Protein backbone atom coordinates (compact mmCIF):
# COMPACT_ATOMS: atom_id res chain seq x y z
CA MET A 1 22.88 -104.14 -35.78
CA SER A 2 22.68 -108.10 -36.12
CA ILE A 3 19.93 -109.83 -38.36
CA PHE A 4 19.21 -113.47 -37.90
CA VAL A 5 17.34 -115.09 -40.14
CA ALA A 6 15.67 -118.40 -39.94
CA LEU A 7 14.88 -121.30 -42.13
CA ALA A 8 12.57 -124.53 -41.06
CA LYS A 9 11.75 -126.59 -43.50
CA ASP A 10 7.91 -128.72 -42.30
CA GLY A 11 6.75 -132.00 -43.84
CA HIS A 12 3.14 -133.07 -45.39
CA LEU A 13 0.56 -129.77 -45.32
CA HIS A 14 -2.97 -129.76 -47.25
CA ALA A 15 -3.94 -125.94 -46.53
CA PRO A 16 -1.99 -123.11 -47.50
CA SER A 17 -1.02 -120.37 -44.67
CA ASP A 18 0.68 -117.15 -44.58
CA TYR A 19 1.00 -115.90 -41.43
CA VAL A 20 3.78 -114.18 -38.91
CA HIS A 21 4.34 -116.04 -35.46
CA ARG A 22 6.59 -114.10 -32.99
CA GLY A 23 7.84 -112.18 -35.68
CA CYS A 24 8.95 -115.04 -37.79
CA ARG A 25 6.84 -115.31 -41.24
CA VAL A 26 4.79 -118.72 -41.84
CA VAL A 27 4.69 -119.57 -45.18
CA ALA A 28 2.84 -122.84 -46.64
CA ASN A 29 2.07 -123.14 -50.29
CA PRO A 30 1.05 -127.09 -50.88
CA LEU A 31 -1.13 -127.83 -53.90
CA GLY A 32 -3.32 -130.27 -52.28
CA TYR A 33 -5.82 -132.65 -53.80
CA ALA A 34 -8.49 -131.21 -56.31
CA LYS A 35 -11.24 -133.34 -55.16
CA ASN A 36 -10.64 -132.10 -51.63
CA GLY A 37 -10.88 -128.62 -52.76
CA GLU A 38 -7.82 -128.22 -51.16
CA GLN A 39 -6.20 -126.51 -54.67
CA GLU A 40 -8.24 -122.93 -54.40
CA GLY A 41 -5.49 -121.20 -52.30
CA PHE A 42 -2.37 -122.51 -54.37
CA ARG A 43 -0.15 -119.76 -55.44
CA PRO A 44 1.72 -121.37 -58.48
CA GLN A 45 3.89 -117.87 -58.64
CA LEU A 46 4.76 -117.72 -55.05
CA LEU A 47 8.49 -116.83 -54.50
CA ILE A 48 9.77 -116.23 -51.24
CA GLU A 49 13.13 -114.53 -51.25
CA ILE A 50 15.46 -115.06 -48.33
């Protein structure tokens, strides 16, 4: 059994996301701007183990 782990870092985001695409979990946890209401979905305790 082989295990393949891919890690990708992406750039500038404002909206939080957590979904699976083609078997790969995609997570974005940006703080965003308070004045634009972008901080609502931010999870300060989020920890992702790889």
